[in-house]
């Protein structure tokens, strides 16, 4: 079992599925000869040929339209947007066609497509290359939205996404692409979609997060533990559909919840989780739900971007406020 990074786990999952399923194709800008802007598809064209690892024009609208067409005719395309901020031209086909194909045809057709995109800030890139707008997709019926937070979950969840009969938005936190390694077996075992992962048990406060922020949230849980505060950490992983039962079960135990995400605060996905807690867990809560988020601005350039992203200190402070309120 090899120790690999998150970006290597993505490559490994793509290679495994292409080897075992000839209907899987990869397409996008520079995914073939260059192996992708972050090298997520490096070596795949050499292994599987240019007909299955397709370098496209610099045209996201065409990439998305081709992806929907391939999926509608029985292929399993995995399309890459070079950055999540480049995905806006693809929204026409994602929202109007990919997400609606099953409903529109009353189940006669499906769209087994995956739309991959490097997501989030923290790599000293311009603001259009650093966006975290996962909430845009969670509001579209017919889509799954998946955001892995570790090499192992990236491998297993990407396999699950490719095998899903409906379209999946697969957002990869590029800040942790190469930040650390873990052992991942290349055994083709998919992880379940639509499931939250409880990464740490605790009894005093529930910390809910996803993507790159899992790292800071776990570090915040360590800092809280050093002060005698027991924090449960939940990695949402699949935002849509949301496994609310796991979150609710944790909040029943702790009575407190802090939601952490780097997307802007207003209408971020944390607001949806907070609303559901207000609807279904009001009598379980002993303190108001706290959110630690990005700000309602574009992410700043690199001198300030780490001030924009949720920090361990901000998460710890929010958790302590929930304890003080009760």
C-alpha atoms as a PDB file:
ATOM      1  CA  UNK A   1       0.000   0.000   0.000  1.00  0.00           C
ATOM      2  CA  UNK A   2       1.666   3.194  -1.207  1.00  0.00           C
ATOM      3  CA  UNK A   3       1.774   6.569   0.501  1.00  0.00           C
ATOM      4  CA  UNK A   4       0.406   9.127  -1.947  1.00  0.00           C
ATOM      5  CA  UNK A   5      -0.799  12.722  -2.071  1.00  0.00           C
ATOM      6  CA  UNK A   6      -4.339  13.812  -2.848  1.00  0.00           C
ATOM      7  CA  UNK A   7      -3.454  14.727  -6.435  1.00  0.00           C
ATOM      8  CA  UNK A   8      -1.825  11.320  -6.917  1.00  0.00           C
ATOM      9  CA  UNK A   9      -4.967   9.686  -5.504  1.00  0.00           C
ATOM     10  CA  UNK A  10      -7.042  11.446  -8.179  1.00  0.00           C
ATOM     11  CA  UNK A  11      -4.687  10.185 -10.912  1.00  0.00           C
ATOM     12  CA  UNK A  12      -4.742   6.692  -9.446  1.00  0.00           C
ATOM     13  CA  UNK A  13      -8.544   6.558  -9.311  1.00  0.00           C
ATOM     14  CA  UNK A  14      -8.844   7.762 -12.907  1.00  0.00           C
ATOM     15  CA  UNK A  15      -6.296   5.192 -14.099  1.00  0.00           C
ATOM     16  CA  UNK A  16      -8.011   2.351 -12.227  1.00  0.00           C
ATOM     17  CA  UNK A  17     -11.423   3.139 -13.620  1.00  0.00           C
ATOM     18  CA  UNK A  18     -10.163   3.671 -17.174  1.00  0.00           C
ATOM     19  CA  UNK A  19      -8.360   0.335 -17.032  1.00  0.00           C
ATOM     20  CA  UNK A  20     -11.447  -1.543 -15.850  1.00  0.00           C
ATOM     21  CA  UNK A  21     -14.186   0.324 -17.731  1.00  0.00           C
ATOM     22  CA  UNK A  22     -13.620   1.176 -21.419  1.00  0.00           C
ATOM     23  CA  UNK A  23     -16.550   3.605 -21.383  1.00  0.00           C
ATOM     24  CA  UNK A  24     -14.617   6.031 -19.132  1.00  0.00           C
ATOM     25  CA  UNK A  25     -12.987   8.930 -20.981  1.00  0.00           C
ATOM     26  CA  UNK A  26     -11.174  12.014 -19.690  1.00  0.00           C
ATOM     27  CA  UNK A  27     -11.393  15.389 -21.394  1.00  0.00           C
ATOM     28  CA  UNK A  28     -10.357  18.964 -20.768  1.00  0.00           C
ATOM     29  CA  UNK A  29      -7.785  21.631 -21.475  1.00  0.00           C
ATOM     30  CA  UNK A  30      -4.230  20.226 -21.413  1.00  0.00           C
ATOM     31  CA  UNK A  31      -5.286  16.961 -19.733  1.00  0.00           C
ATOM     32  CA  UNK A  32      -3.487  14.848 -22.312  1.00  0.00           C
ATOM     33  CA  UNK A  33       0.013  15.812 -23.411  1.00  0.00           C
ATOM     34  CA  UNK A  34       0.672  18.069 -20.412  1.00  0.00           C
ATOM     35  CA  UNK A  35      -1.171  15.942 -17.860  1.00  0.00           C
ATOM     36  CA  UNK A  36      -3.324  18.809 -16.614  1.00  0.00           C
ATOM     37  CA  UNK A  37      -2.441  22.157 -15.056  1.00  0.00           C
ATOM     38  CA  UNK A  38      -1.911  20.444 -11.674  1.00  0.00           C
ATOM     39  CA  UNK A  39      -0.764  17.138 -13.248  1.00  0.00           C
ATOM     40  CA  UNK A  40      -3.868  15.248 -12.140  1.00  0.00           C
ATOM     41  CA  UNK A  41      -3.987  13.362 -15.444  1.00  0.00           C
ATOM     42  CA  UNK A  42      -0.262  12.914 -15.987  1.00  0.00           C
ATOM     43  CA  UNK A  43       0.591   9.726 -17.863  1.00  0.00           C
ATOM     44  CA  UNK A  44      -3.002   8.806 -18.680  1.00  0.00           C
ATOM     45  CA  UNK A  45      -2.789   9.653 -22.370  1.00  0.00           C
ATOM     46  CA  UNK A  46       0.333   7.489 -22.718  1.00  0.00           C
ATOM     47  CA  UNK A  47      -1.543   4.572 -21.118  1.00  0.00           C
ATOM     48  CA  UNK A  48      -4.939   4.916 -22.750  1.00  0.00           C
ATOM     49  CA  UNK A  49      -4.400   6.922 -25.929  1.00  0.00           C
ATOM     50  CA  UNK A  50      -5.583  10.255 -27.254  1.00  0.00           C
ATOM     51  CA  UNK A  51      -9.071   8.917 -28.038  1.00  0.00           C
ATOM     52  CA  UNK A  52      -9.760   8.370 -24.325  1.00  0.00           C
ATOM     53  CA  UNK A  53      -7.707  11.233 -22.827  1.00  0.00           C
ATOM     54  CA  UNK A  54      -8.780  14.158 -24.972  1.00  0.00           C
ATOM     55  CA  UNK A  55      -7.119  17.568 -25.139  1.00  0.00           C
ATOM     56  CA  UNK A  56      -9.911  20.020 -25.894  1.00  0.00           C
ATOM     57  CA  UNK A  57      -9.897  23.609 -27.130  1.00  0.00           C
ATOM     58  CA  UNK A  58      -9.795  26.377 -24.500  1.00  0.00           C
ATOM     59  CA  UNK A  59     -13.579  26.444 -24.413  1.00  0.00           C
ATOM     60  CA  UNK A  60     -15.383  25.361 -21.243  1.00  0.00           C
ATOM     61  CA  UNK A  61     -18.805  25.623 -22.864  1.00  0.00           C
ATOM     62  CA  UNK A  62     -17.798  23.089 -25.524  1.00  0.00           C
ATOM     63  CA  UNK A  63     -16.204  20.794 -22.923  1.00  0.00           C
ATOM     64  CA  UNK A  64     -19.446  20.695 -20.944  1.00  0.00           C
ATOM     65  CA  UNK A  65     -21.640  20.169 -24.018  1.00  0.00           C
ATOM     66  CA  UNK A  66     -19.431  17.355 -25.272  1.00  0.00           C
ATOM     67  CA  UNK A  67     -19.503  15.781 -21.806  1.00  0.00           C
ATOM     68  CA  UNK A  68     -23.306  15.760 -21.697  1.00  0.00           C
ATOM     69  CA  UNK A  69     -23.497  14.316 -25.209  1.00  0.00           C
ATOM     70  CA  UNK A  70     -21.040  11.527 -24.426  1.00  0.00           C
ATOM     71  CA  UNK A  71     -22.823  10.653 -21.177  1.00  0.00           C
ATOM     72  CA  UNK A  72     -26.228  10.617 -22.846  1.00  0.00           C
ATOM     73  CA  UNK A  73     -24.935   8.057 -25.345  1.00  0.00           C
ATOM     74  CA  UNK A  74     -23.523   5.574 -22.842  1.00  0.00           C
ATOM     75  CA  UNK A  75     -20.013   6.848 -22.151  1.00  0.00           C
ATOM     76  CA  UNK A  76     -18.736   7.901 -18.717  1.00  0.00           C
ATOM     77  CA  UNK A  77     -16.896  11.167 -19.330  1.00  0.00           C
ATOM     78  CA  UNK A  78     -14.783  12.840 -16.652  1.00  0.00           C
ATOM     79  CA  UNK A  79     -14.411  16.497 -17.627  1.00  0.00           C
ATOM     80  CA  UNK A  80     -11.881  18.832 -16.054  1.00  0.00           C
ATOM     81  CA  UNK A  81     -12.234  22.568 -15.580  1.00  0.00           C
ATOM     82  CA  UNK A  82      -8.732  23.877 -14.954  1.00  0.00           C
ATOM     83  CA  UNK A  83      -9.977  25.918 -11.975  1.00  0.00           C
ATOM     84  CA  UNK A  84     -13.360  26.076 -10.272  1.00  0.00           C
ATOM     85  CA  UNK A  85     -13.500  29.749 -11.222  1.00  0.00           C
ATOM     86  CA  UNK A  86     -13.488  28.699 -14.889  1.00  0.00           C
ATOM     87  CA  UNK A  87     -16.592  26.558 -14.512  1.00  0.00           C
ATOM     88  CA  UNK A  88     -19.124  29.353 -15.042  1.00  0.00           C
ATOM     89  CA  UNK A  89     -19.370  28.897 -18.840  1.00  0.00           C
ATOM     90  CA  UNK A  90     -20.085  25.204 -18.185  1.00  0.00           C
ATOM     91  CA  UNK A  91     -23.105  26.038 -16.024  1.00  0.00           C
ATOM     92  CA  UNK A  92     -25.397  26.273 -19.061  1.00  0.00           C
ATOM     93  CA  UNK A  93     -24.934  22.593 -19.886  1.00  0.00           C
ATOM     94  CA  UNK A  94     -24.545  21.433 -16.273  1.00  0.00           C
ATOM     95  CA  UNK A  95     -27.722  23.109 -15.002  1.00  0.00           C
ATOM     96  CA  UNK A  96     -29.920  22.948 -18.105  1.00  0.00           C
ATOM     97  CA  UNK A  97     -28.973  19.537 -19.495  1.00  0.00           C
ATOM     98  CA  UNK A  98     -26.777  17.310 -17.297  1.00  0.00           C
ATOM     99  CA  UNK A  99     -28.841  17.856 -14.162  1.00  0.00           C
ATOM    100  CA  UNK A 100     -32.180  17.485 -15.967  1.00  0.00           C
ATOM    101  CA  UNK A 101     -31.609  14.581 -18.325  1.00  0.00           C
ATOM    102  CA  UNK A 102     -33.057  11.858 -16.068  1.00  0.00           C
ATOM    103  CA  UNK A 103     -36.152  13.923 -15.215  1.00  0.00           C
ATOM    104  CA  UNK A 104     -36.651  15.257 -18.718  1.00  0.00           C
ATOM    105  CA  UNK A 105     -36.639  11.769 -20.238  1.00  0.00           C
ATOM    106  CA  UNK A 106     -38.619  10.233 -17.346  1.00  0.00           C
ATOM    107  CA  UNK A 107     -35.718   7.940 -16.543  1.00  0.00           C
ATOM    108  CA  UNK A 108     -35.089   6.680 -20.079  1.00  0.00           C
ATOM    109  CA  UNK A 109     -31.684   8.419 -20.113  1.00  0.00           C
ATOM    110  CA  UNK A 110     -29.158   9.340 -17.480  1.00  0.00           C
ATOM    111  CA  UNK A 111     -26.028  11.485 -17.448  1.00  0.00           C
ATOM    112  CA  UNK A 112     -23.192   9.520 -15.782  1.00  0.00           C
ATOM    113  CA  UNK A 113     -20.711  12.393 -16.022  1.00  0.00           C
ATOM    114  CA  UNK A 114     -18.185  13.797 -13.553  1.00  0.00           C
ATOM    115  CA  UNK A 115     -17.166  17.456 -13.692  1.00  0.00           C
ATOM    116  CA  UNK A 116     -13.836  17.836 -11.873  1.00  0.00           C
ATOM    117  CA  UNK A 117     -12.364  21.161 -10.816  1.00  0.00           C
ATOM    118  CA  UNK A 118      -9.506  22.298  -8.560  1.00  0.00           C
ATOM    119  CA  UNK A 119     -11.250  24.296  -5.827  1.00  0.00           C
ATOM    120  CA  UNK A 120     -10.464  26.919  -3.207  1.00  0.00           C
ATOM    121  CA  UNK A 121      -7.694  29.295  -2.269  1.00  0.00           C
ATOM    122  CA  UNK A 122      -4.407  29.196  -0.453  1.00  0.00           C
ATOM    123  CA  UNK A 123      -1.955  28.692  -3.337  1.00  0.00           C
ATOM    124  CA  UNK A 124      -1.122  32.357  -4.073  1.00  0.00           C
ATOM    125  CA  UNK A 125      -3.139  32.434  -7.277  1.00  0.00           C
ATOM    126  CA  UNK A 126      -5.308  35.279  -8.627  1.00  0.00           C
ATOM    127  CA  UNK A 127      -8.854  35.494  -7.295  1.00  0.00           C
ATOM    128  CA  UNK A 128     -10.441  33.881 -10.376  1.00  0.00           C
ATOM    129  CA  UNK A 129      -8.209  30.846  -9.779  1.00  0.00           C
ATOM    130  CA  UNK A 130      -9.027  30.615  -6.057  1.00  0.00           C
ATOM    131  CA  UNK A 131     -12.798  30.508  -5.785  1.00  0.00           C
ATOM    132  CA  UNK A 132     -14.852  28.310  -3.484  1.00  0.00           C
ATOM    133  CA  UNK A 133     -18.394  28.362  -4.830  1.00  0.00           C
ATOM    134  CA  UNK A 134     -19.664  24.888  -4.046  1.00  0.00           C
ATOM    135  CA  UNK A 135     -22.977  26.383  -2.909  1.00  0.00           C
ATOM    136  CA  UNK A 136     -23.822  27.309  -6.507  1.00  0.00           C
ATOM    137  CA  UNK A 137     -24.199  23.611  -7.337  1.00  0.00           C
ATOM    138  CA  UNK A 138     -25.969  22.480  -4.175  1.00  0.00           C
ATOM    139  CA  UNK A 139     -28.992  24.523  -5.229  1.00  0.00           C
ATOM    140  CA  UNK A 140     -29.390  22.674  -8.556  1.00  0.00           C
ATOM    141  CA  UNK A 141     -31.656  19.587  -8.435  1.00  0.00           C
ATOM    142  CA  UNK A 142     -30.195  16.521 -10.106  1.00  0.00           C
ATOM    143  CA  UNK A 143     -26.555  17.099  -9.176  1.00  0.00           C
ATOM    144  CA  UNK A 144     -24.347  15.461  -6.597  1.00  0.00           C
ATOM    145  CA  UNK A 145     -21.670  17.703  -5.094  1.00  0.00           C
ATOM    146  CA  UNK A 146     -18.610  15.964  -3.642  1.00  0.00           C
ATOM    147  CA  UNK A 147     -15.594  17.569  -1.956  1.00  0.00           C
ATOM    148  CA  UNK A 148     -12.876  15.203  -0.655  1.00  0.00           C
ATOM    149  CA  UNK A 149     -10.461  16.188   2.098  1.00  0.00           C
ATOM    150  CA  UNK A 150      -7.730  13.520   2.046  1.00  0.00           C
ATOM    151  CA  UNK A 151      -5.952  11.208  -0.406  1.00  0.00           C
ATOM    152  CA  UNK A 152      -7.962   8.184   0.709  1.00  0.00           C
ATOM    153  CA  UNK A 153     -11.293   9.946   0.415  1.00  0.00           C
ATOM    154  CA  UNK A 154     -10.306  11.497  -2.913  1.00  0.00           C
ATOM    155  CA  UNK A 155      -9.554   8.036  -4.333  1.00  0.00           C
ATOM    156  CA  UNK A 156     -12.659   6.322  -3.006  1.00  0.00           C
ATOM    157  CA  UNK A 157     -15.091   9.155  -3.641  1.00  0.00           C
ATOM    158  CA  UNK A 158     -13.862   9.723  -7.217  1.00  0.00           C
ATOM    159  CA  UNK A 159     -14.413   6.036  -7.976  1.00  0.00           C
ATOM    160  CA  UNK A 160     -17.909   6.352  -6.517  1.00  0.00           C
ATOM    161  CA  UNK A 161     -18.558   9.485  -8.556  1.00  0.00           C
ATOM    162  CA  UNK A 162     -17.509   7.876 -11.861  1.00  0.00           C
ATOM    163  CA  UNK A 163     -19.706   4.852 -11.151  1.00  0.00           C
ATOM    164  CA  UNK A 164     -22.732   6.968 -10.256  1.00  0.00           C
ATOM    165  CA  UNK A 165     -25.423   7.017 -12.966  1.00  0.00           C
ATOM    166  CA  UNK A 166     -26.086  10.737 -12.477  1.00  0.00           C
ATOM    167  CA  UNK A 167     -23.896  13.848 -12.821  1.00  0.00           C
ATOM    168  CA  UNK A 168     -21.412  14.623 -10.065  1.00  0.00           C
ATOM    169  CA  UNK A 169     -19.575  17.873  -9.382  1.00  0.00           C
ATOM    170  CA  UNK A 170     -16.236  16.760  -7.933  1.00  0.00           C
ATOM    171  CA  UNK A 171     -14.333  19.663  -6.379  1.00  0.00           C
ATOM    172  CA  UNK A 172     -10.717  19.055  -5.361  1.00  0.00           C
ATOM    173  CA  UNK A 173      -9.122  21.264  -2.662  1.00  0.00           C
ATOM    174  CA  UNK A 174      -5.941  22.261  -4.416  1.00  0.00           C
ATOM    175  CA  UNK A 175      -4.361  23.790  -1.294  1.00  0.00           C
ATOM    176  CA  UNK A 176      -3.869  20.249   0.021  1.00  0.00           C
ATOM    177  CA  UNK A 177      -3.142  18.562  -3.319  1.00  0.00           C
ATOM    178  CA  UNK A 178       0.459  17.893  -2.219  1.00  0.00           C
ATOM    179  CA  UNK A 179       0.385  18.963   1.426  1.00  0.00           C
ATOM    180  CA  UNK A 180       0.665  15.494   2.943  1.00  0.00           C
ATOM    181  CA  UNK A 181       0.604  11.792   2.082  1.00  0.00           C
ATOM    182  CA  UNK A 182      -1.288   8.816   3.437  1.00  0.00           C
ATOM    183  CA  UNK A 183      -1.477   5.142   2.611  1.00  0.00           C
ATOM    184  CA  UNK A 184      -4.071   4.381  -0.054  1.00  0.00           C
ATOM    185  CA  UNK A 185      -4.682   0.922  -1.480  1.00  0.00           C
ATOM    186  CA  UNK A 186      -5.236   0.967  -5.242  1.00  0.00           C
ATOM    187  CA  UNK A 187      -7.883  -1.740  -4.930  1.00  0.00           C
ATOM    188  CA  UNK A 188     -10.828  -0.142  -6.722  1.00  0.00           C
ATOM    189  CA  UNK A 189     -12.855   0.135  -3.513  1.00  0.00           C
ATOM    190  CA  UNK A 190     -15.231   3.097  -3.829  1.00  0.00           C
ATOM    191  CA  UNK A 191     -16.349   5.047  -0.805  1.00  0.00           C
ATOM    192  CA  UNK A 192     -20.078   5.660  -0.414  1.00  0.00           C
ATOM    193  CA  UNK A 193     -21.429   8.970  -1.651  1.00  0.00           C
ATOM    194  CA  UNK A 194     -24.057  10.883   0.331  1.00  0.00           C
ATOM    195  CA  UNK A 195     -22.339  10.031   3.644  1.00  0.00           C
ATOM    196  CA  UNK A 196     -20.613  12.249   6.206  1.00  0.00           C
ATOM    197  CA  UNK A 197     -17.437  10.914   7.831  1.00  0.00           C
ATOM    198  CA  UNK A 198     -16.946  11.325  11.589  1.00  0.00           C
ATOM    199  CA  UNK A 199     -13.200  11.889  11.859  1.00  0.00           C
ATOM    200  CA  UNK A 200     -13.023  12.470  15.616  1.00  0.00           C
ATOM    201  CA  UNK A 201     -15.405  11.670  18.459  1.00  0.00           C
ATOM    202  CA  UNK A 202     -16.262  14.305  21.043  1.00  0.00           C
ATOM    203  CA  UNK A 203     -18.906  15.305  23.515  1.00  0.00           C
ATOM    204  CA  UNK A 204     -18.748  19.086  23.985  1.00  0.00           C
ATOM    205  CA  UNK A 205     -19.095  20.641  20.521  1.00  0.00           C
ATOM    206  CA  UNK A 206     -19.622  19.450  16.937  1.00  0.00           C
ATOM    207  CA  UNK A 207     -17.319  20.900  14.260  1.00  0.00           C
ATOM    208  CA  UNK A 208     -18.715  20.432  10.733  1.00  0.00           C
ATOM    209  CA  UNK A 209     -16.583  21.130   7.680  1.00  0.00           C
ATOM    210  CA  UNK A 210     -15.387  19.889   4.273  1.00  0.00           C
ATOM    211  CA  UNK A 211     -12.520  20.160   1.805  1.00  0.00           C
ATOM    212  CA  UNK A 212      -9.255  21.823   2.771  1.00  0.00           C
ATOM    213  CA  UNK A 213     -10.766  23.177   5.999  1.00  0.00           C
ATOM    214  CA  UNK A 214     -10.802  19.680   7.493  1.00  0.00           C
ATOM    215  CA  UNK A 215      -7.094  20.156   8.271  1.00  0.00           C
ATOM    216  CA  UNK A 216      -7.592  23.372  10.266  1.00  0.00           C
ATOM    217  CA  UNK A 217     -10.684  21.956  11.946  1.00  0.00           C
ATOM    218  CA  UNK A 218      -8.821  18.893  13.192  1.00  0.00           C
ATOM    219  CA  UNK A 219      -6.034  21.148  14.433  1.00  0.00           C
ATOM    220  CA  UNK A 220      -8.634  23.270  16.211  1.00  0.00           C
ATOM    221  CA  UNK A 221     -10.014  20.118  17.846  1.00  0.00           C
ATOM    222  CA  UNK A 222      -6.484  19.339  19.102  1.00  0.00           C
ATOM    223  CA  UNK A 223      -6.150  22.861  20.492  1.00  0.00           C
ATOM    224  CA  UNK A 224      -9.518  22.581  22.232  1.00  0.00           C
ATOM    225  CA  UNK A 225      -8.575  19.180  23.664  1.00  0.00           C
ATOM    226  CA  UNK A 226      -5.489  20.733  25.272  1.00  0.00           C
ATOM    227  CA  UNK A 227      -7.924  22.910  27.237  1.00  0.00           C
ATOM    228  CA  UNK A 228     -10.174  20.030  28.200  1.00  0.00           C
ATOM    229  CA  UNK A 229     -12.813  20.623  25.493  1.00  0.00           C
ATOM    230  CA  UNK A 230     -13.912  17.543  23.539  1.00  0.00           C
ATOM    231  CA  UNK A 231     -14.795  18.334  19.904  1.00  0.00           C
ATOM    232  CA  UNK A 232     -16.404  15.968  17.413  1.00  0.00           C
ATOM    233  CA  UNK A 233     -15.220  16.591  13.836  1.00  0.00           C
ATOM    234  CA  UNK A 234     -17.420  15.754  10.845  1.00  0.00           C
ATOM    235  CA  UNK A 235     -16.234  15.826   7.230  1.00  0.00           C
ATOM    236  CA  UNK A 236     -19.389  16.373   5.152  1.00  0.00           C
ATOM    237  CA  UNK A 237     -17.660  15.062   1.957  1.00  0.00           C
ATOM    238  CA  UNK A 238     -20.901  14.900  -0.081  1.00  0.00           C
ATOM    239  CA  UNK A 239     -22.683  18.230   0.254  1.00  0.00           C
ATOM    240  CA  UNK A 240     -25.568  17.302  -2.013  1.00  0.00           C
ATOM    241  CA  UNK A 241     -27.453  15.203  -1.071  1.00  0.00           C
ATOM    242  CA  UNK A 242     -26.553  15.982   2.531  1.00  0.00           C
ATOM    243  CA  UNK A 243     -26.281  13.277   5.172  1.00  0.00           C
ATOM    244  CA  UNK A 244     -27.998  15.435   7.779  1.00  0.00           C
ATOM    245  CA  UNK A 245     -28.714  12.475  10.062  1.00  0.00           C
ATOM    246  CA  UNK A 246     -25.028  12.128  10.983  1.00  0.00           C
ATOM    247  CA  UNK A 247     -24.779  15.830  11.826  1.00  0.00           C
ATOM    248  CA  UNK A 248     -28.023  15.765  13.801  1.00  0.00           C
ATOM    249  CA  UNK A 249     -26.934  12.708  15.760  1.00  0.00           C
ATOM    250  CA  UNK A 250     -23.724  14.469  16.759  1.00  0.00           C
ATOM    251  CA  UNK A 251     -25.518  17.672  17.777  1.00  0.00           C
ATOM    252  CA  UNK A 252     -27.938  15.648  19.911  1.00  0.00           C
ATOM    253  CA  UNK A 253     -24.852  14.501  21.819  1.00  0.00           C
ATOM    254  CA  UNK A 254     -22.945  17.788  22.059  1.00  0.00           C
ATOM    255  CA  UNK A 255     -25.665  20.432  21.973  1.00  0.00           C
ATOM    256  CA  UNK A 256     -23.389  22.800  20.083  1.00  0.00           C
ATOM    257  CA  UNK A 257     -22.297  23.205  16.461  1.00  0.00           C
ATOM    258  CA  UNK A 258     -19.661  25.194  14.588  1.00  0.00           C
ATOM    259  CA  UNK A 259     -19.738  25.069  10.763  1.00  0.00           C
ATOM    260  CA  UNK A 260     -16.512  25.876   8.913  1.00  0.00           C
ATOM    261  CA  UNK A 261     -16.133  26.680   5.199  1.00  0.00           C
ATOM    262  CA  UNK A 262     -14.058  29.020   3.062  1.00  0.00           C
ATOM    263  CA  UNK A 263     -16.855  30.070   0.700  1.00  0.00           C
ATOM    264  CA  UNK A 264     -18.375  33.518   1.293  1.00  0.00           C
ATOM    265  CA  UNK A 265     -20.663  33.662   4.319  1.00  0.00           C
ATOM    266  CA  UNK A 266     -23.942  34.799   2.765  1.00  0.00           C
ATOM    267  CA  UNK A 267     -25.881  31.818   1.348  1.00  0.00           C
ATOM    268  CA  UNK A 268     -22.852  29.557   1.758  1.00  0.00           C
ATOM    269  CA  UNK A 269     -23.658  25.894   2.313  1.00  0.00           C
ATOM    270  CA  UNK A 270     -23.117  26.349   6.030  1.00  0.00           C
ATOM    271  CA  UNK A 271     -26.303  28.409   6.087  1.00  0.00           C
ATOM    272  CA  UNK A 272     -28.245  25.392   4.792  1.00  0.00           C
ATOM    273  CA  UNK A 273     -26.864  23.175   7.542  1.00  0.00           C
ATOM    274  CA  UNK A 274     -27.639  25.831  10.146  1.00  0.00           C
ATOM    275  CA  UNK A 275     -31.191  26.156   8.821  1.00  0.00           C
ATOM    276  CA  UNK A 276     -31.765  22.424   9.050  1.00  0.00           C
ATOM    277  CA  UNK A 277     -30.453  22.414  12.602  1.00  0.00           C
ATOM    278  CA  UNK A 278     -32.903  25.209  13.429  1.00  0.00           C
ATOM    279  CA  UNK A 279     -35.747  23.169  11.914  1.00  0.00           C
ATOM    280  CA  UNK A 280     -34.901  19.745  13.308  1.00  0.00           C
ATOM    281  CA  UNK A 281     -32.509  20.204  16.251  1.00  0.00           C
ATOM    282  CA  UNK A 282     -33.720  23.340  18.024  1.00  0.00           C
ATOM    283  CA  UNK A 283     -34.410  21.482  21.267  1.00  0.00           C
ATOM    284  CA  UNK A 284     -31.074  19.674  21.088  1.00  0.00           C
ATOM    285  CA  UNK A 285     -29.061  22.886  20.861  1.00  0.00           C
ATOM    286  CA  UNK A 286     -27.920  24.631  24.044  1.00  0.00           C
ATOM    287  CA  UNK A 287     -26.197  27.475  22.153  1.00  0.00           C
ATOM    288  CA  UNK A 288     -26.615  29.253  18.802  1.00  0.00           C
ATOM    289  CA  UNK A 289     -24.966  27.655  15.780  1.00  0.00           C
ATOM    290  CA  UNK A 290     -21.705  29.392  14.858  1.00  0.00           C
ATOM    291  CA  UNK A 291     -20.254  29.769  11.360  1.00  0.00           C
ATOM    292  CA  UNK A 292     -16.583  30.354  10.550  1.00  0.00           C
ATOM    293  CA  UNK A 293     -16.396  31.242   6.869  1.00  0.00           C
ATOM    294  CA  UNK A 294     -14.793  33.289   4.158  1.00  0.00           C
ATOM    295  CA  UNK A 295     -16.007  36.849   3.761  1.00  0.00           C
ATOM    296  CA  UNK A 296     -18.525  38.388   1.371  1.00  0.00           C
ATOM    297  CA  UNK A 297     -15.747  39.585  -0.902  1.00  0.00           C
ATOM    298  CA  UNK A 298     -13.642  38.089  -3.640  1.00  0.00           C
ATOM    299  CA  UNK A 299     -10.714  36.228  -2.157  1.00  0.00           C
ATOM    300  CA  UNK A 300      -7.805  38.697  -1.900  1.00  0.00           C
ATOM    301  CA  UNK A 301      -4.364  38.344  -3.437  1.00  0.00           C
ATOM    302  CA  UNK A 302      -1.821  36.195  -1.653  1.00  0.00           C
ATOM    303  CA  UNK A 303      -0.606  38.700   0.979  1.00  0.00           C
ATOM    304  CA  UNK A 304      -4.063  38.603   2.552  1.00  0.00           C
ATOM    305  CA  UNK A 305      -5.584  35.324   1.393  1.00  0.00           C
ATOM    306  CA  UNK A 306      -4.692  33.400   4.552  1.00  0.00           C
ATOM    307  CA  UNK A 307      -6.522  36.100   6.529  1.00  0.00           C
ATOM    308  CA  UNK A 308      -9.576  35.337   4.406  1.00  0.00           C
ATOM    309  CA  UNK A 309      -9.509  31.571   4.937  1.00  0.00           C
ATOM    310  CA  UNK A 310     -10.843  30.081   8.193  1.00  0.00           C
ATOM    311  CA  UNK A 311      -8.000  29.669  10.697  1.00  0.00           C
ATOM    312  CA  UNK A 312      -7.479  27.445  13.700  1.00  0.00           C
ATOM    313  CA  UNK A 313      -7.762  30.515  15.923  1.00  0.00           C
ATOM    314  CA  UNK A 314     -11.135  31.540  14.468  1.00  0.00           C
ATOM    315  CA  UNK A 315     -12.510  28.002  14.799  1.00  0.00           C
ATOM    316  CA  UNK A 316     -11.343  27.699  18.409  1.00  0.00           C
ATOM    317  CA  UNK A 317     -12.858  31.080  19.264  1.00  0.00           C
ATOM    318  CA  UNK A 318     -16.216  30.093  17.725  1.00  0.00           C
ATOM    319  CA  UNK A 319     -16.264  26.812  19.652  1.00  0.00           C
ATOM    320  CA  UNK A 320     -15.561  28.654  22.904  1.00  0.00           C
ATOM    321  CA  UNK A 321     -18.414  31.074  22.178  1.00  0.00           C
ATOM    322  CA  UNK A 322     -20.826  28.149  21.956  1.00  0.00           C
ATOM    323  CA  UNK A 323     -19.589  26.919  25.319  1.00  0.00           C
ATOM    324  CA  UNK A 324     -19.853  30.364  26.881  1.00  0.00           C
ATOM    325  CA  UNK A 325     -23.394  30.870  25.513  1.00  0.00           C
ATOM    326  CA  UNK A 326     -24.643  27.786  27.318  1.00  0.00           C
END
